[in-house]
Amino acid sequence: MLRVRPDMCLGCGLCTQECPTGAISLRSRLAHIDQRRCNHCGICVDVCPQGAIVESMPVSEQSLKCVLSELKRQTDDLLARIDRLRG
């Protein structure tokens, strides 16, 4: 699913002009994506000069825990390598 980060959107309208399905409109000077019309082509992501349009995917709590566990393992490994290099 594509979504607009309101803290980054300038309301320039480039995404509205480029969206092939007309799924994006400006509301209160911010881009808004109609998810029913969006075909997830990603053109808006590419044309946004601010990077305000991002893709988000729902993630299960278990998947998130696995990813965090792996990142912690990799971090611990890197810190151990740094300690060995200093040593």
N, C-alpha and C. Protein backbone atom coordinates (compact mmCIF):
# COMPACT_ATOMS: atom_id res chain seq x y z
N MET A 1 0.83 -1.16 0.00
CA MET A 1 0.00 0.00 0.00
C MET A 1 0.89 1.24 0.00
N LEU A 2 0.55 2.20 -0.82
CA LEU A 2 1.28 3.47 -0.85
C LEU A 2 0.58 4.45 0.07
N ARG A 3 1.38 5.24 0.78
CA ARG A 3 0.80 6.25 1.66
C ARG A 3 1.64 7.52 1.59
N VAL A 4 1.03 8.61 1.97
CA VAL A 4 1.69 9.91 1.96
C VAL A 4 2.11 10.27 3.38
N ARG A 5 3.36 10.66 3.53
CA ARG A 5 3.83 11.16 4.82
C ARG A 5 3.52 12.65 4.87
N PRO A 6 2.51 13.05 5.64
CA PRO A 6 2.10 14.45 5.65
C PRO A 6 3.19 15.40 6.16
N ASP A 7 4.09 14.91 6.98
CA ASP A 7 5.17 15.75 7.49
C ASP A 7 6.19 16.08 6.42
N MET A 8 6.15 15.37 5.28
CA MET A 8 7.11 15.60 4.21
C MET A 8 6.49 16.19 2.94
N CYS A 9 5.19 16.05 2.80
CA CYS A 9 4.51 16.48 1.57
C CYS A 9 4.46 18.00 1.48
N LEU A 10 4.88 18.52 0.32
CA LEU A 10 4.83 19.96 0.07
C LEU A 10 3.55 20.39 -0.63
N GLY A 11 2.78 19.43 -1.10
CA GLY A 11 1.57 19.75 -1.85
C GLY A 11 1.86 20.33 -3.22
N CYS A 12 2.97 19.92 -3.82
CA CYS A 12 3.38 20.48 -5.12
C CYS A 12 2.50 19.97 -6.26
N GLY A 13 1.87 18.81 -6.09
CA GLY A 13 0.97 18.29 -7.10
C GLY A 13 1.60 17.46 -8.21
N LEU A 14 2.91 17.25 -8.16
CA LEU A 14 3.55 16.45 -9.21
C LEU A 14 2.96 15.04 -9.25
N CYS A 15 2.70 14.47 -8.10
CA CYS A 15 2.15 13.11 -8.05
C CYS A 15 0.75 13.07 -8.65
N THR A 16 -0.03 14.10 -8.43
CA THR A 16 -1.39 14.12 -8.99
C THR A 16 -1.35 14.18 -10.50
N GLN A 17 -0.39 14.90 -11.04
CA GLN A 17 -0.25 15.03 -12.49
C GLN A 17 0.22 13.75 -13.14
N GLU A 18 1.05 12.98 -12.45
CA GLU A 18 1.66 11.79 -13.03
C GLU A 18 0.89 10.50 -12.78
N CYS A 19 -0.02 10.50 -11.83
CA CYS A 19 -0.75 9.27 -11.50
C CYS A 19 -1.63 8.84 -12.67
N PRO A 20 -1.38 7.65 -13.25
CA PRO A 20 -2.13 7.23 -14.42
C PRO A 20 -3.59 6.85 -14.13
N THR A 21 -3.91 6.59 -12.87
CA THR A 21 -5.28 6.21 -12.54
C THR A 21 -6.07 7.33 -11.88
N GLY A 22 -5.43 8.47 -11.67
CA GLY A 22 -6.11 9.59 -11.02
C GLY A 22 -6.42 9.30 -9.56
N ALA A 23 -5.61 8.47 -8.93
CA ALA A 23 -5.86 8.08 -7.54
C ALA A 23 -5.38 9.10 -6.52
N ILE A 24 -4.63 10.10 -6.98
CA ILE A 24 -4.06 11.06 -6.03
C ILE A 24 -4.69 12.43 -6.24
N SER A 25 -5.08 13.02 -5.14
CA SER A 25 -5.65 14.38 -5.17
C SER A 25 -5.00 15.18 -4.05
N LEU A 26 -5.16 16.49 -4.13
CA LEU A 26 -4.66 17.35 -3.06
C LEU A 26 -5.83 17.71 -2.16
N ARG A 27 -5.64 17.53 -0.87
CA ARG A 27 -6.63 17.90 0.13
C ARG A 27 -5.92 18.72 1.19
N SER A 28 -6.40 19.89 1.41
CA SER A 28 -5.77 20.79 2.39
C SER A 28 -4.27 20.91 2.12
N ARG A 29 -3.93 21.05 0.85
CA ARG A 29 -2.55 21.22 0.38
C ARG A 29 -1.63 20.04 0.64
N LEU A 30 -2.22 18.85 0.80
CA LEU A 30 -1.43 17.63 0.96
C LEU A 30 -1.96 16.57 0.01
N ALA A 31 -1.06 15.74 -0.50
CA ALA A 31 -1.47 14.66 -1.39
C ALA A 31 -2.26 13.62 -0.60
N HIS A 32 -3.28 13.08 -1.25
CA HIS A 32 -4.10 12.03 -0.66
C HIS A 32 -4.26 10.93 -1.71
N ILE A 33 -4.04 9.67 -1.32
CA ILE A 33 -4.14 8.55 -2.24
C ILE A 33 -5.43 7.79 -1.98
N ASP A 34 -6.25 7.67 -3.02
CA ASP A 34 -7.47 6.85 -2.95
C ASP A 34 -7.05 5.41 -3.22
N GLN A 35 -7.00 4.60 -2.18
CA GLN A 35 -6.49 3.23 -2.29
C GLN A 35 -7.34 2.37 -3.23
N ARG A 36 -8.59 2.72 -3.40
CA ARG A 36 -9.45 1.94 -4.30
C ARG A 36 -9.07 2.15 -5.77
N ARG A 37 -8.50 3.30 -6.08
CA ARG A 37 -8.13 3.61 -7.46
C ARG A 37 -6.65 3.34 -7.75
N CYS A 38 -5.85 3.26 -6.72
CA CYS A 38 -4.40 3.09 -6.87
C CYS A 38 -4.07 1.69 -7.39
N ASN A 39 -3.23 1.62 -8.42
CA ASN A 39 -2.79 0.31 -8.94
C ASN A 39 -1.37 -0.04 -8.48
N HIS A 40 -0.82 0.75 -7.57
CA HIS A 40 0.50 0.50 -6.96
C HIS A 40 1.63 0.47 -7.98
N CYS A 41 1.53 1.31 -9.00
CA CYS A 41 2.57 1.33 -10.03
C CYS A 41 3.87 1.96 -9.53
N GLY A 42 3.78 2.84 -8.53
CA GLY A 42 4.97 3.45 -7.95
C GLY A 42 5.47 4.69 -8.66
N ILE A 43 4.76 5.16 -9.67
CA ILE A 43 5.20 6.36 -10.39
C ILE A 43 5.26 7.55 -9.43
N CYS A 44 4.27 7.66 -8.56
CA CYS A 44 4.23 8.77 -7.60
C CYS A 44 5.45 8.75 -6.67
N VAL A 45 5.87 7.56 -6.29
CA VAL A 45 7.05 7.42 -5.43
C VAL A 45 8.27 8.01 -6.14
N ASP A 46 8.38 7.71 -7.43
CA ASP A 46 9.53 8.17 -8.21
C ASP A 46 9.52 9.67 -8.46
N VAL A 47 8.33 10.26 -8.65
CA VAL A 47 8.28 11.68 -9.02
C VAL A 47 8.26 12.62 -7.82
N CYS A 48 7.97 12.12 -6.64
CA CYS A 48 7.89 13.00 -5.47
C CYS A 48 9.28 13.52 -5.10
N PRO A 49 9.48 14.83 -5.19
CA PRO A 49 10.81 15.39 -4.89
C PRO A 49 11.18 15.31 -3.42
N GLN A 50 10.20 15.12 -2.56
CA GLN A 50 10.45 15.08 -1.12
C GLN A 50 10.56 13.66 -0.57
N GLY A 51 10.21 12.67 -1.39
CA GLY A 51 10.17 11.30 -0.89
C GLY A 51 9.03 11.09 0.10
N ALA A 52 7.96 11.87 -0.09
CA ALA A 52 6.84 11.84 0.86
C ALA A 52 5.90 10.68 0.64
N ILE A 53 5.99 10.02 -0.51
CA ILE A 53 5.13 8.88 -0.77
C ILE A 53 5.96 7.62 -0.59
N VAL A 54 5.49 6.78 0.31
CA VAL A 54 6.24 5.58 0.66
C VAL A 54 5.33 4.36 0.58
N GLU A 55 5.95 3.21 0.43
CA GLU A 55 5.21 1.96 0.41
C GLU A 55 5.24 1.37 1.81
N SER A 56 4.10 0.98 2.28
CA SER A 56 4.04 0.33 3.59
C SER A 56 3.32 -1.00 3.43
N MET A 57 3.83 -1.99 4.14
CA MET A 57 3.22 -3.31 4.08
C MET A 57 2.92 -3.75 5.50
N PRO A 58 1.74 -4.32 5.71
CA PRO A 58 1.44 -4.83 7.05
C PRO A 58 2.38 -5.98 7.39
N VAL A 59 2.85 -5.98 8.62
CA VAL A 59 3.79 -7.00 9.07
C VAL A 59 3.24 -7.61 10.35
N SER A 60 3.30 -8.91 10.44
CA SER A 60 2.83 -9.56 11.66
C SER A 60 3.82 -9.30 12.79
N GLU A 61 3.32 -9.40 14.00
CA GLU A 61 4.18 -9.19 15.16
C GLU A 61 5.31 -10.22 15.19
N GLN A 62 5.00 -11.45 14.82
CA GLN A 62 6.01 -12.51 14.81
C GLN A 62 7.11 -12.22 13.78
N SER A 63 6.72 -11.76 12.59
CA SER A 63 7.71 -11.41 11.56
C SER A 63 8.60 -10.27 12.03
N LEU A 64 7.99 -9.29 12.67
CA LEU A 64 8.75 -8.15 13.17
C LEU A 64 9.74 -8.61 14.25
N LYS A 65 9.31 -9.49 15.13
CA LYS A 65 10.20 -10.01 16.17
C LYS A 65 11.38 -10.76 15.55
N CYS A 66 11.13 -11.52 14.50
CA CYS A 66 12.21 -12.26 13.82
C CYS A 66 13.22 -11.30 13.20
N VAL A 67 12.72 -10.28 12.55
CA VAL A 67 13.60 -9.29 11.91
C VAL A 67 14.43 -8.58 12.97
N LEU A 68 13.80 -8.16 14.05
CA LEU A 68 14.52 -7.46 15.12
C LEU A 68 15.57 -8.37 15.77
N SER A 69 15.22 -9.63 15.95
CA SER A 69 16.17 -10.57 16.53
C SER A 69 17.40 -10.74 15.63
N GLU A 70 17.16 -10.84 14.33
CA GLU A 70 18.27 -10.97 13.39
C GLU A 70 19.13 -9.71 13.35
N LEU A 71 18.49 -8.55 13.40
CA LEU A 71 19.25 -7.30 13.43
C LEU A 71 20.09 -7.18 14.69
N LYS A 72 19.55 -7.61 15.82
CA LYS A 72 20.31 -7.60 17.06
C LYS A 72 21.51 -8.53 16.96
N ARG A 73 21.31 -9.73 16.38
CA ARG A 73 22.41 -10.67 16.21
C ARG A 73 23.51 -10.07 15.34
N GLN A 74 23.11 -9.43 14.24
CA GLN A 74 24.10 -8.82 13.35
C GLN A 74 24.82 -7.66 14.03
N THR A 75 24.10 -6.88 14.82
CA THR A 75 24.72 -5.77 15.55
C THR A 75 25.73 -6.30 16.56
N ASP A 76 25.34 -7.32 17.30
CA ASP A 76 26.26 -7.92 18.27
C ASP A 76 27.51 -8.47 17.58
N ASP A 77 27.33 -9.08 16.42
CA ASP A 77 28.46 -9.61 15.66
C ASP A 77 29.39 -8.49 15.22
N LEU A 78 28.83 -7.41 14.72
CA LEU A 78 29.65 -6.27 14.29
C LEU A 78 30.40 -5.65 15.46
N LEU A 79 29.73 -5.51 16.59
CA LEU A 79 30.40 -4.94 17.76
C LEU A 79 31.54 -5.84 18.23
N ALA A 80 31.34 -7.15 18.17
CA ALA A 80 32.40 -8.09 18.55
C ALA A 80 33.59 -7.96 17.60
N ARG A 81 33.32 -7.81 16.31
CA ARG A 81 34.40 -7.64 15.33
C ARG A 81 35.18 -6.35 15.59
N ILE A 82 34.45 -5.28 15.91
CA ILE A 82 35.12 -4.01 16.21
C ILE A 82 36.01 -4.16 17.43
N ASP A 83 35.50 -4.83 18.45
CA ASP A 83 36.30 -5.05 19.66
C ASP A 83 37.56 -5.85 19.35
N ARG A 84 37.45 -6.86 18.49
CA ARG A 84 38.64 -7.66 18.12
C ARG A 84 39.65 -6.81 17.36
N LEU A 85 39.16 -5.90 16.49
CA LEU A 85 40.09 -5.05 15.74
C LEU A 85 40.80 -4.05 16.66
N ARG A 86 40.12 -3.59 17.67
CA ARG A 86 40.73 -2.65 18.61
C ARG A 86 41.75 -3.35 19.52
N GLY A 87 41.47 -4.63 19.78
CA GLY A 87 42.16 -5.38 20.78
C GLY A 87 43.56 -5.68 20.67
